[in-house]
Protein backbone atom coordinates (compact mmCIF):
# COMPACT_ATOMS: atom_id res chain seq x y z
CA UNK A 1 -41.88 34.91 26.43
CA UNK A 2 -38.40 35.73 25.16
CA UNK A 3 -36.90 33.65 27.96
CA UNK A 4 -38.98 30.63 26.93
CA UNK A 5 -37.95 31.03 23.27
CA UNK A 6 -34.31 31.31 24.27
CA UNK A 7 -34.72 28.21 26.41
CA UNK A 8 -36.12 26.24 23.45
CA UNK A 9 -33.30 27.44 21.18
CA UNK A 10 -30.74 26.49 23.80
CA UNK A 11 -32.22 22.99 24.13
CA UNK A 12 -32.20 22.57 20.33
CA UNK A 13 -28.58 23.70 20.20
CA UNK A 14 -27.61 21.26 22.93
CA UNK A 15 -29.35 18.44 21.09
CA UNK A 16 -27.43 19.27 17.91
CA UNK A 17 -24.18 19.34 19.89
CA UNK A 18 -25.08 16.00 21.47
CA UNK A 19 -25.75 14.45 18.05
CA UNK A 20 -22.45 15.80 16.79
CA UNK A 21 -20.64 14.34 19.80
CA UNK A 22 -22.35 10.97 19.32
CA UNK A 23 -21.37 10.95 15.62
CA UNK A 24 -17.80 11.83 16.60
CA UNK A 25 -17.73 9.00 19.14
CA UNK A 26 -19.05 6.55 16.54
CA UNK A 27 -16.30 7.58 14.12
CA UNK A 28 -13.68 7.31 16.84
CA UNK A 29 -14.91 3.84 17.85
CA UNK A 30 -14.77 2.69 14.23
CA UNK A 31 -11.26 4.13 13.92
CA UNK A 32 -10.18 2.38 17.13
CA UNK A 33 -11.59 -0.90 15.82
CA UNK A 34 -9.67 -0.44 12.56
CA UNK A 35 -6.40 0.31 14.37
CA UNK A 36 -6.84 -2.61 16.77
CA UNK A 37 -7.58 -4.87 13.82
CA UNK A 38 -4.46 -3.59 12.06
CA UNK A 39 -2.34 -4.23 15.16
CA UNK A 40 -3.63 -7.79 15.44
CA UNK A 41 -3.00 -8.32 11.73
CA UNK A 42 0.58 -7.03 11.98
CA UNK A 43 1.23 -9.22 15.01
CA UNK A 44 -0.08 -12.23 13.11
CA UNK A 45 2.10 -11.43 10.09
CA UNK A 46 5.18 -10.98 12.27
CA UNK A 47 4.74 -13.74 14.84
CA UNK A 48 1.99 -16.05 13.59
CA UNK A 49 2.07 -19.01 11.23
CA UNK A 50 2.03 -18.07 7.55
CA UNK A 51 0.38 -21.28 6.35
CA UNK A 52 -3.22 -21.10 5.16
CA UNK A 53 -3.86 -24.75 5.89
CA UNK A 54 -6.69 -25.42 8.31
CA UNK A 55 -6.55 -27.94 11.12
CA UNK A 56 -9.21 -30.55 11.85
CA UNK A 57 -10.20 -28.57 14.95
CA UNK A 58 -10.73 -25.47 12.84
CA UNK A 59 -12.85 -27.41 10.35
CA UNK A 60 -15.02 -28.66 13.19
CA UNK A 61 -15.31 -25.06 14.37
CA UNK A 62 -16.44 -24.03 10.89
CA UNK A 63 -19.21 -26.66 10.95
CA UNK A 64 -20.32 -25.28 14.30
CA UNK A 65 -20.31 -21.70 13.06
CA UNK A 66 -22.37 -22.59 10.01
CA UNK A 67 -24.94 -24.16 12.29
CA UNK A 68 -25.42 -20.77 13.98
CA UNK A 69 -26.45 -18.91 10.81
CA UNK A 70 -29.97 -17.59 10.37
CA UNK A 71 -32.71 -20.18 9.95
CA UNK A 72 -33.51 -18.66 6.56
CA UNK A 73 -30.49 -20.53 5.21
CA UNK A 74 -30.89 -24.24 4.64
CA UNK A 75 -28.79 -26.22 7.13
CA UNK A 76 -26.49 -29.07 6.19
CA UNK A 77 -26.78 -32.40 7.94
CA UNK A 78 -24.22 -32.77 10.72
CA UNK A 79 -21.18 -34.84 9.79
CA UNK A 80 -18.69 -36.66 11.94
CA UNK A 81 -15.01 -36.20 11.27
CA UNK A 82 -12.93 -39.19 12.42
CA UNK A 83 -9.74 -38.25 14.22
CA UNK A 84 -6.86 -40.67 13.84
CA UNK A 85 -5.35 -42.08 17.01
CA UNK A 86 -1.95 -40.76 17.97
CA UNK A 87 0.97 -42.85 16.76
CA UNK A 88 4.68 -42.20 16.99
CA UNK A 89 6.12 -41.76 13.51
CA UNK A 90 9.39 -43.45 12.63
CA UNK A 91 12.18 -41.46 10.96
CA UNK A 92 12.04 -41.83 7.20
CA UNK A 93 14.94 -43.90 5.91
CA UNK A 94 16.87 -42.29 3.08
CA UNK A 95 17.00 -44.38 -0.09
CA UNK A 96 20.31 -44.51 -1.92
CA UNK A 97 19.27 -44.87 -5.55
CA UNK A 98 20.89 -47.55 -7.67
CA UNK A 99 21.97 -45.06 -10.36
CA UNK A 100 24.31 -43.23 -7.96
CA UNK A 101 27.99 -43.96 -8.60
CA UNK A 102 29.49 -46.35 -6.06
CA UNK A 103 32.99 -46.83 -4.73
CA UNK A 104 33.84 -50.02 -2.85
CA UNK A 105 36.09 -50.06 0.21
CA UNK A 106 36.99 -53.67 1.10
CA UNK A 107 38.03 -54.70 4.60
CA UNK A 108 39.76 -58.11 4.84
CA UNK A 109 41.39 -60.23 7.50
CA UNK A 110 45.15 -60.54 7.69
CA UNK A 111 46.69 -63.84 6.60
CA UNK A 112 47.27 -64.76 10.25
CA UNK A 113 43.57 -64.14 11.05
CA UNK A 114 42.45 -66.47 8.25
CA UNK A 115 43.37 -69.54 10.32
CA UNK A 116 40.93 -71.33 12.67
CA UNK A 117 42.23 -71.02 16.27
CA UNK A 118 40.71 -74.45 17.14
CA UNK A 119 42.16 -76.82 14.53
CA UNK A 120 44.51 -74.62 12.46
CA UNK A 121 42.51 -75.06 9.20
CA UNK A 122 42.44 -72.24 6.66
CA UNK A 123 39.20 -70.23 6.77
CA UNK A 124 36.91 -70.21 3.73
CA UNK A 125 35.20 -66.95 2.56
CA UNK A 126 31.42 -67.30 2.90
CA UNK A 127 30.25 -63.75 2.03
CA UNK A 128 30.47 -60.18 3.36
CA UNK A 129 28.47 -57.66 5.32
CA UNK A 130 27.51 -54.51 3.42
CA UNK A 131 27.01 -51.00 4.75
CA UNK A 132 26.47 -48.03 2.40
CA UNK A 133 27.20 -44.39 3.21
CA UNK A 134 26.35 -41.31 1.20
CA UNK A 135 29.46 -39.21 0.50
CA UNK A 136 29.71 -35.75 -1.03
CA UNK A 137 32.53 -34.53 -3.27
CA UNK A 138 32.89 -30.72 -3.13
CA UNK A 139 32.75 -28.70 -6.34
CA UNK A 140 35.86 -28.84 -8.48
CA UNK A 141 37.06 -26.34 -11.03
CA UNK A 142 39.20 -26.91 -14.07
CA UNK A 143 40.45 -24.96 -17.07
CA UNK A 144 39.41 -26.06 -20.56
CA UNK A 145 42.14 -25.17 -23.03
CA UNK A 146 40.85 -24.87 -26.59
CA UNK A 147 43.52 -25.65 -29.20
CA UNK A 148 42.66 -24.84 -32.83
CA UNK A 149 45.17 -26.50 -35.08
CA UNK A 150 46.42 -24.54 -38.08
CA UNK A 151 47.55 -25.97 -41.42
CA UNK A 152 49.36 -24.45 -44.40
CA UNK A 153 50.23 -25.69 -47.88
CA UNK A 154 53.98 -26.57 -48.02
CA UNK A 155 54.14 -25.94 -51.75
CA UNK A 156 52.52 -22.59 -52.48
CA UNK A 157 52.65 -20.97 -49.06
CA UNK A 158 49.39 -19.21 -50.00
CA UNK A 159 46.77 -21.45 -48.38
CA UNK A 160 46.35 -21.66 -44.63
CA UNK A 161 43.40 -23.04 -42.68
CA UNK A 162 42.52 -23.19 -38.97
CA UNK A 163 40.22 -25.78 -37.38
CA UNK A 164 36.82 -24.36 -36.40
CA UNK A 165 35.67 -24.11 -32.81
CA UNK A 166 31.97 -24.26 -31.84
CA UNK A 167 30.43 -20.91 -30.91
CA UNK A 168 30.51 -20.20 -27.19
CA UNK A 169 27.78 -18.68 -25.00
CA UNK A 170 30.11 -15.72 -24.34
CA UNK A 171 32.65 -15.42 -27.14
CA UNK A 172 36.22 -14.71 -25.99
CA UNK A 173 35.04 -15.02 -22.38
CA UNK A 174 36.53 -17.32 -19.75
CA UNK A 175 33.17 -18.74 -18.60
CA UNK A 176 32.37 -22.21 -19.94
CA UNK A 177 28.74 -23.45 -20.26
CA UNK A 178 28.99 -25.52 -17.05
CA UNK A 179 30.16 -22.53 -15.02
CA UNK A 180 27.44 -20.28 -16.43
CA UNK A 181 24.84 -22.95 -15.69
CA UNK A 182 26.07 -23.34 -12.11
CA UNK A 183 25.88 -19.59 -11.45
CA UNK A 184 22.43 -19.32 -13.08
CA UNK A 185 20.96 -22.18 -11.07
CA UNK A 186 22.59 -20.98 -7.84
CA UNK A 187 21.07 -17.51 -8.17
CA UNK A 188 17.72 -18.15 -9.84
CA UNK A 189 16.81 -21.61 -8.52
CA UNK A 190 18.64 -21.66 -5.17
CA UNK A 191 18.30 -17.91 -4.36
CA UNK A 192 22.01 -17.36 -3.69
CA UNK A 193 23.06 -13.73 -4.31
CA UNK A 194 26.18 -13.22 -6.42
CA UNK A 195 28.34 -11.94 -3.58
CA UNK A 196 27.93 -15.27 -1.79
CA UNK A 197 28.90 -17.12 -4.95
CA UNK A 198 32.05 -15.00 -5.11
CA UNK A 199 32.95 -16.25 -1.62
CA UNK A 200 32.22 -19.87 -2.64
CA UNK A 201 34.57 -19.62 -5.61
CA UNK A 202 37.23 -18.01 -3.46
CA UNK A 203 37.24 -21.09 -1.20
CA UNK A 204 38.15 -23.30 -4.18
CA UNK A 205 40.89 -20.94 -5.33
CA UNK A 206 39.11 -18.91 -8.03
CA UNK A 207 39.03 -15.12 -7.77
CA UNK A 208 35.92 -13.63 -9.38
CA UNK A 209 34.03 -10.42 -8.73
CA UNK A 210 30.33 -9.72 -8.51
CA UNK A 211 30.28 -7.34 -11.49
CA UNK A 212 31.74 -10.00 -13.75
CA UNK A 213 29.16 -12.56 -12.63
CA UNK A 214 26.35 -10.05 -13.12
CA UNK A 215 27.52 -9.32 -16.68
CA UNK A 216 27.66 -13.06 -17.41
CA UNK A 217 24.06 -13.47 -16.25
CA UNK A 218 22.94 -10.60 -18.48
CA UNK A 219 24.64 -12.21 -21.48
CA UNK A 220 23.06 -15.58 -20.67
CA UNK A 221 19.62 -14.03 -20.31
CA UNK A 222 19.96 -12.42 -23.72
CA UNK A 223 21.31 -15.64 -25.23
CA UNK A 224 18.15 -17.62 -24.38
CA UNK A 225 15.76 -15.02 -25.84
CA UNK A 226 14.80 -17.29 -28.81
CA UNK A 227 13.62 -19.96 -26.35
CA UNK A 228 11.70 -17.35 -24.34
CA UNK A 229 9.94 -16.17 -27.48
CA UNK A 230 8.89 -19.74 -28.30
CA UNK A 231 7.64 -20.35 -24.72
CA UNK A 232 5.55 -17.17 -25.00
CA UNK A 233 4.05 -18.32 -28.31
CA UNK A 234 3.28 -21.71 -26.75
CA UNK A 235 1.47 -20.07 -23.82
CA UNK A 236 -0.67 -17.89 -26.06
CA UNK A 237 -1.90 -21.03 -27.83
CA UNK A 238 -3.30 -22.50 -24.59
CA UNK A 239 -6.98 -22.42 -23.64
CA UNK A 240 -6.39 -21.49 -19.97
CA UNK A 241 -3.64 -19.29 -18.51
CA UNK A 242 -2.67 -17.99 -15.06
CA UNK A 243 -1.21 -14.53 -14.53
CA UNK A 244 0.18 -12.71 -11.51
CA UNK A 245 2.61 -9.92 -10.65
CA UNK A 246 4.95 -8.93 -7.83
CA UNK A 247 7.13 -5.87 -7.09
CA UNK A 248 10.83 -5.69 -7.96
CA UNK A 249 13.28 -2.89 -7.30
CA UNK A 250 15.56 -1.72 -10.14
CA UNK A 251 18.11 0.92 -9.18
CA UNK A 252 18.80 2.49 -12.57
CA UNK A 253 15.58 3.28 -14.42
CA UNK A 254 15.10 6.43 -16.52
CA UNK A 255 12.89 8.98 -14.79
CA UNK A 256 12.54 6.98 -11.57
CA UNK A 257 14.21 7.07 -8.18
CA UNK A 258 16.17 4.00 -6.99
CA UNK A 259 13.58 3.50 -4.22
CA UNK A 260 10.64 3.19 -6.64
CA UNK A 261 9.05 -0.17 -7.40
CA UNK A 262 8.82 -1.90 -10.74
CA UNK A 263 6.94 -5.10 -11.57
CA UNK A 264 7.79 -8.70 -12.42
CA UNK A 265 4.88 -10.38 -14.20
CA UNK A 266 4.42 -14.13 -14.54
CA UNK A 267 2.36 -15.95 -17.15
CA UNK A 268 1.84 -19.70 -16.71
CA UNK A 269 0.00 -22.51 -18.43
CA UNK A 270 -2.62 -24.37 -16.44
CA UNK A 271 -1.74 -27.49 -14.44
CA UNK A 272 -3.71 -29.55 -16.98
CA UNK A 273 -1.63 -28.35 -19.93
CA UNK A 274 0.21 -31.02 -21.89
CA UNK A 275 3.40 -28.93 -22.03
CA UNK A 276 3.87 -26.80 -18.90
CA UNK A 277 5.40 -23.38 -19.40
CA UNK A 278 6.19 -20.25 -17.38
CA UNK A 279 7.08 -16.77 -18.64
CA UNK A 280 8.51 -14.03 -16.41
CA UNK A 281 8.42 -10.48 -17.76
CA UNK A 282 10.00 -7.36 -16.25
CA UNK A 283 8.25 -4.00 -16.56
CA UNK A 284 9.09 -0.60 -14.99
CA UNK A 285 5.39 -0.12 -14.18
CA UNK A 286 2.19 -2.00 -13.32
CA UNK A 287 -0.16 -0.51 -15.88
CA UNK A 288 -2.76 -2.34 -17.95
CA UNK A 289 -0.50 -1.98 -21.02
CA UNK A 290 1.60 -4.96 -19.91
CA UNK A 291 -1.22 -7.55 -19.80
CA UNK A 292 -2.36 -6.17 -23.15
CA UNK A 293 1.15 -6.65 -24.53
CA UNK A 294 1.70 -10.12 -23.09
CA UNK A 295 -1.76 -11.44 -24.02
CA UNK A 296 -2.04 -9.79 -27.44
CA UNK A 297 -3.29 -12.94 -29.27
CA UNK A 298 -4.85 -14.81 -26.36
CA UNK A 299 -8.59 -15.50 -26.37
CA UNK A 300 -9.07 -18.27 -23.80
CA UNK A 301 -9.73 -18.12 -20.05
CA UNK A 302 -7.47 -16.15 -17.70
CA UNK A 303 -7.13 -16.82 -13.96
CA UNK A 304 -6.01 -13.68 -12.08
CA UNK A 305 -6.58 -11.89 -8.79
CA UNK A 306 -8.77 -8.80 -8.33
CA UNK A 307 -6.32 -6.29 -9.88
CA UNK A 308 -8.29 -4.27 -12.44
CA UNK A 309 -5.28 -3.82 -14.72
CA UNK A 310 -6.44 -7.01 -16.45
CA UNK A 311 -9.86 -5.58 -17.35
CA UNK A 312 -8.84 -3.88 -20.62
CA UNK A 313 -7.26 -6.90 -22.30
CA UNK A 314 -10.08 -9.20 -21.16
CA UNK A 315 -12.71 -6.91 -22.64
CA UNK A 316 -10.77 -6.24 -25.86
CA UNK A 317 -9.85 -9.87 -26.58
CA UNK A 318 -13.03 -11.43 -25.25
CA UNK A 319 -11.08 -13.32 -22.59
CA UNK A 320 -13.06 -15.20 -19.95
CA UNK A 321 -11.78 -13.80 -16.68
CA UNK A 322 -11.71 -16.21 -13.72
CA UNK A 323 -11.55 -15.15 -10.06
CA UNK A 324 -9.27 -16.62 -7.40
CA UNK A 325 -11.00 -18.27 -4.44
CA UNK A 326 -7.63 -18.50 -2.63
CA UNK A 327 -7.51 -14.69 -2.49
CA UNK A 328 -11.06 -14.53 -1.18
CA UNK A 329 -10.32 -17.20 1.43
CA UNK A 330 -7.11 -15.41 2.45
CA UNK A 331 -8.99 -12.23 3.28
CA UNK A 332 -11.45 -14.11 5.49
CA UNK A 333 -8.55 -15.86 7.22
CA UNK A 334 -7.10 -12.43 7.98
CA UNK A 335 -10.50 -11.39 9.35
CA UNK A 336 -10.70 -14.55 11.44
CA UNK A 337 -7.32 -13.77 12.98
CA UNK A 338 -8.77 -10.50 14.29
CA UNK A 339 -11.51 -12.30 16.22
CA UNK A 340 -11.14 -12.95 19.97
CA UNK A 341 -9.56 -16.34 20.58
CA UNK A 342 -11.98 -19.22 21.09
CA UNK A 343 -14.95 -17.42 19.58
CA UNK A 344 -16.61 -17.95 16.22
CA UNK A 345 -17.78 -15.18 13.95
CA UNK A 346 -18.84 -14.28 10.44
CA UNK A 347 -15.40 -15.02 9.04
CA UNK A 348 -15.76 -18.63 10.24
CA UNK A 349 -19.08 -18.91 8.44
CA UNK A 350 -17.58 -17.78 5.13
CA UNK A 351 -14.56 -20.06 5.57
CA UNK A 352 -16.89 -22.98 6.22
CA UNK A 353 -18.50 -22.61 2.80
CA UNK A 354 -15.19 -22.02 1.02
CA UNK A 355 -13.60 -25.03 2.70
CA UNK A 356 -16.41 -27.25 1.43
CA UNK A 357 -15.77 -25.99 -2.09
CA UNK A 358 -12.13 -27.04 -1.76
CA UNK A 359 -13.10 -30.46 -0.40
CA UNK A 360 -15.05 -31.02 -3.62
CA UNK A 361 -12.13 -29.68 -5.63
CA UNK A 362 -9.83 -32.32 -4.17
CA UNK A 363 -11.85 -34.95 -6.01
CA UNK A 364 -10.95 -33.33 -9.35
CA UNK A 365 -7.17 -33.63 -8.82
CA UNK A 366 -7.06 -37.21 -10.06
CA UNK A 367 -4.84 -37.15 -13.16
CA UNK A 368 -6.98 -39.88 -14.77
CA UNK A 369 -10.00 -37.53 -14.99
CA UNK A 370 -10.71 -35.61 -18.18
CA UNK A 371 -12.30 -32.16 -18.42
CA UNK A 372 -15.83 -33.52 -18.73
CA UNK A 373 -15.45 -35.67 -15.61
CA UNK A 374 -14.01 -32.77 -13.61
CA UNK A 375 -16.91 -30.57 -14.76
CA UNK A 376 -19.41 -33.17 -13.60
CA UNK A 377 -17.81 -33.42 -10.14
CA UNK A 378 -17.83 -29.65 -9.75
CA UNK A 379 -21.60 -29.49 -10.08
CA UNK A 380 -21.67 -30.56 -6.41
CA UNK A 381 -20.36 -27.08 -5.63
CA UNK A 382 -23.33 -25.17 -7.05
CA UNK A 383 -25.63 -25.60 -3.99
CA UNK A 384 -22.78 -24.49 -1.71
CA UNK A 385 -22.12 -21.45 -3.89
CA UNK A 386 -25.83 -20.56 -3.73
CA UNK A 387 -25.80 -20.72 0.06
CA UNK A 388 -22.60 -18.68 0.23
CA UNK A 389 -24.22 -16.00 -1.95
CA UNK A 390 -27.29 -15.93 0.32
CA UNK A 391 -25.02 -15.51 3.33
CA UNK A 392 -23.10 -12.75 1.55
CA UNK A 393 -26.25 -10.80 0.59
CA UNK A 394 -27.53 -11.00 4.18
CA UNK A 395 -24.25 -10.22 5.94
CA UNK A 396 -22.92 -7.30 3.88
CA UNK A 397 -25.60 -4.92 5.22
CA UNK A 398 -24.56 -5.49 8.85
CA UNK A 399 -20.77 -5.29 8.52
CA UNK A 400 -18.65 -2.10 8.66
CA UNK A 401 -16.91 -1.78 5.27
CA UNK A 402 -13.49 -0.66 6.48
CA UNK A 403 -12.51 -3.38 8.95
CA UNK A 404 -10.86 -6.62 7.87
CA UNK A 405 -14.16 -8.53 7.69
CA UNK A 406 -15.80 -5.76 5.69
CA UNK A 407 -12.93 -5.74 3.21
CA UNK A 408 -13.19 -9.53 2.83
CA UNK A 409 -16.93 -9.30 2.20
CA UNK A 410 -16.45 -6.46 -0.29
CA UNK A 411 -13.83 -8.47 -2.20
CA UNK A 412 -16.07 -11.54 -2.28
CA UNK A 413 -19.02 -9.52 -3.60
CA UNK A 414 -16.96 -7.60 -6.18
CA UNK A 415 -15.33 -10.78 -7.53
CA UNK A 416 -18.38 -13.04 -7.28
CA UNK A 417 -19.21 -13.34 -11.03
CA UNK A 418 -15.58 -14.30 -11.72
CA UNK A 419 -15.22 -16.59 -8.72
CA UNK A 420 -18.08 -18.88 -9.67
CA UNK A 421 -17.02 -19.37 -13.31
CA UNK A 422 -14.73 -22.27 -12.49
CA UNK A 423 -17.73 -24.61 -12.22
CA UNK A 424 -18.60 -23.94 -15.88
CA UNK A 425 -15.68 -25.91 -17.32
CA UNK A 426 -13.57 -28.84 -16.18
CA UNK A 427 -10.30 -27.15 -17.22
CA UNK A 428 -10.93 -23.94 -15.31
CA UNK A 429 -8.99 -23.68 -12.00
CA UNK A 430 -10.59 -22.64 -8.72
CA UNK A 431 -7.71 -20.36 -7.77
CA UNK A 432 -4.45 -18.80 -8.91
CA UNK A 433 -2.19 -20.89 -6.68
CA UNK A 434 -0.48 -22.40 -9.72
CA UNK A 435 0.87 -18.95 -10.72
CA UNK A 436 1.73 -18.05 -7.12
CA UNK A 437 3.76 -21.25 -6.79
CA UNK A 438 5.66 -20.40 -9.98
CA UNK A 439 6.44 -16.87 -8.77
CA UNK A 440 7.53 -18.02 -5.29
CA UNK A 441 11.19 -18.78 -6.25
CA UNK A 442 11.50 -15.20 -7.47
CA UNK A 443 10.03 -13.84 -4.23
CA UNK A 444 12.42 -15.97 -2.16
CA UNK A 445 15.38 -14.84 -4.26
CA UNK A 446 14.35 -11.20 -3.95
CA UNK A 447 14.69 -11.43 -0.17
CA UNK A 448 18.37 -12.28 -0.68
CA UNK A 449 19.56 -10.21 -3.64
CA UNK A 450 17.08 -7.39 -2.87
CA UNK A 451 17.22 -5.52 -6.22
CA UNK A 452 18.42 -5.47 -9.83
CA UNK A 453 20.96 -2.87 -10.84
CA UNK A 454 19.68 -2.14 -14.36
CA UNK A 455 16.73 -2.72 -16.65
CA UNK A 456 18.89 -4.96 -18.82
CA UNK A 457 19.75 -7.07 -15.79
CA UNK A 458 16.09 -7.33 -14.69
CA UNK A 459 15.00 -8.42 -18.18
CA UNK A 460 17.76 -11.06 -18.33
CA UNK A 461 16.80 -12.32 -14.88
CA UNK A 462 13.21 -12.69 -16.08
CA UNK A 463 14.40 -14.83 -19.01
CA UNK A 464 16.51 -17.12 -16.82
CA UNK A 465 13.72 -17.51 -14.25
CA UNK A 466 11.39 -18.43 -17.14
CA UNK A 467 13.69 -21.12 -18.50
CA UNK A 468 14.60 -22.64 -15.14
CA UNK A 469 11.02 -22.78 -13.84
CA UNK A 470 9.75 -24.24 -17.12
CA UNK A 471 12.51 -26.86 -17.01
CA UNK A 472 11.57 -27.82 -13.44
CA UNK A 473 7.89 -28.15 -14.36
CA UNK A 474 8.84 -30.53 -17.17
CA UNK A 475 10.92 -32.77 -14.89
CA UNK A 476 14.38 -31.60 -16.01
CA UNK A 477 17.36 -31.08 -13.70
CA UNK A 478 18.08 -27.33 -14.17
CA UNK A 479 21.89 -27.45 -14.11
CA UNK A 480 22.25 -30.23 -16.71
CA UNK A 481 19.58 -28.67 -18.91
CA UNK A 482 21.04 -25.15 -18.84
CA UNK A 483 24.53 -26.47 -19.52
CA UNK A 484 23.27 -28.11 -22.72
CA UNK A 485 21.31 -24.98 -23.68
CA UNK A 486 24.37 -22.76 -23.22
CA UNK A 487 26.42 -25.26 -25.25
CA UNK A 488 24.01 -25.89 -28.09
CA UNK A 489 21.93 -22.72 -28.51
CA UNK A 490 24.85 -20.57 -29.82
CA UNK A 491 25.24 -23.13 -32.64
CA UNK A 492 21.53 -23.54 -33.45
CA UNK A 493 20.77 -22.27 -36.95
CA UNK A 494 17.19 -23.38 -37.59
CA UNK A 495 13.87 -23.02 -35.81
CA UNK A 496 13.73 -26.81 -35.46
CA UNK A 497 17.04 -26.78 -33.59
CA UNK A 498 15.79 -24.03 -31.26
CA UNK A 499 12.53 -25.90 -30.64
CA UNK A 500 14.51 -29.04 -29.86
CA UNK A 501 15.89 -27.22 -26.82
CA UNK A 502 12.49 -26.30 -25.39
CA UNK A 503 12.07 -28.10 -22.04
CA UNK A 504 9.14 -30.27 -23.19
CA UNK A 505 11.04 -31.27 -26.39
CA UNK A 506 14.56 -31.58 -25.01
CA UNK A 507 16.12 -35.00 -25.51
CA UNK A 508 19.84 -34.26 -25.82
CA UNK A 509 22.17 -32.94 -28.47
CA UNK A 510 20.96 -31.09 -31.55
CA UNK A 511 20.66 -32.90 -34.89
């Protein structure tokens, strides 16, 4: 009897051990899948194309994948996508605009060649053949010598007066407005680090050092603060704003190591705004206090990603928070890249729906449309959103949460109420690409100059990025605009004069 009981206990123990082993194997298989997915993702990031654009073949694949979904979902009618025949493209001819300065070089015959070899008659000019070339004149430097004439009374010898000189962007400094503008645009618009600019100046015979250039940029960033304040006030008066953030390294921050990360925030008006503006803001941290500070008086709609640091200000101010479909699509693209080549999967199904939403959105890009017309066009997206939600509710129960597809599905579900709000108003954007495009010049520059040395330098850089990007959005050439700002702003004495230098108001000299 005891032997039988022991046998039963032994079998039960073995079953428990077997269950434990099976659970361990399941966990190990999930971990292996996660690591393999991570490897594929890293390979794609390192070697694959970074563009999120989808080819015609991929779109056709999406249509096929949608057709394989469960019959419970209503199927779309099959559509044919015409493929253009192959044609060899001709090189685009460069146009030399009429407003470019021109220099004529005339080639003429000698006097002996101006005689007809047949009858000896003098030749008569009947025209000329013209060929234009584009030439480039390298940068030139010059010294501006300011002479302030002095006068004295010859009778009393008690009165003396000196002619006034306009205030300079850096008083008693050697940098003129044009030089400061060139350095600012080179670093913040063209992503050239200061040490390379030092080498450029050395080739034209000017010895400068990086510390001097850095100090000049700090002074310029502080000089334009009145314009930055006015841009911020303008943004807060808009009905729709975009916001995003990206890391920046600042070496000298109190209480932080040089290796720690700080944050550069960007606030931008919507693409439909009458006056386009961008505000960069440096912060040593990424807490919710910064959105609260930057959006203190804002009560419109805010387009952001899924970062929950925006929650507090949205709830406090009653801001309508919009979700970014580009972020949701990006996560499914990452999941698609983990699939075996040539096979469709759940990521394709999600991308099929999202792509159709963007096809509808293309129709709203016509500048002639007003908000009401855009809203009407977007109502075509509601049935697609309903089908995407049905797919999401069905798929989330059969997808492991920790792989790339599971993370994409979790993001889509968590952001769903915010993602679908764009169809409620014609001025609401479908994604946050407008802010990402504004922050891209900073990201490109960061790859070259790597870090800021001080908090003061990071704040000044934010101001100069703000002014340059706002100028570009309003169709201004950054160098010419900044040169006038650095010339005129030190002498501006009224709010009207400061406002006259805002990019959307700028028309030339003050007064």
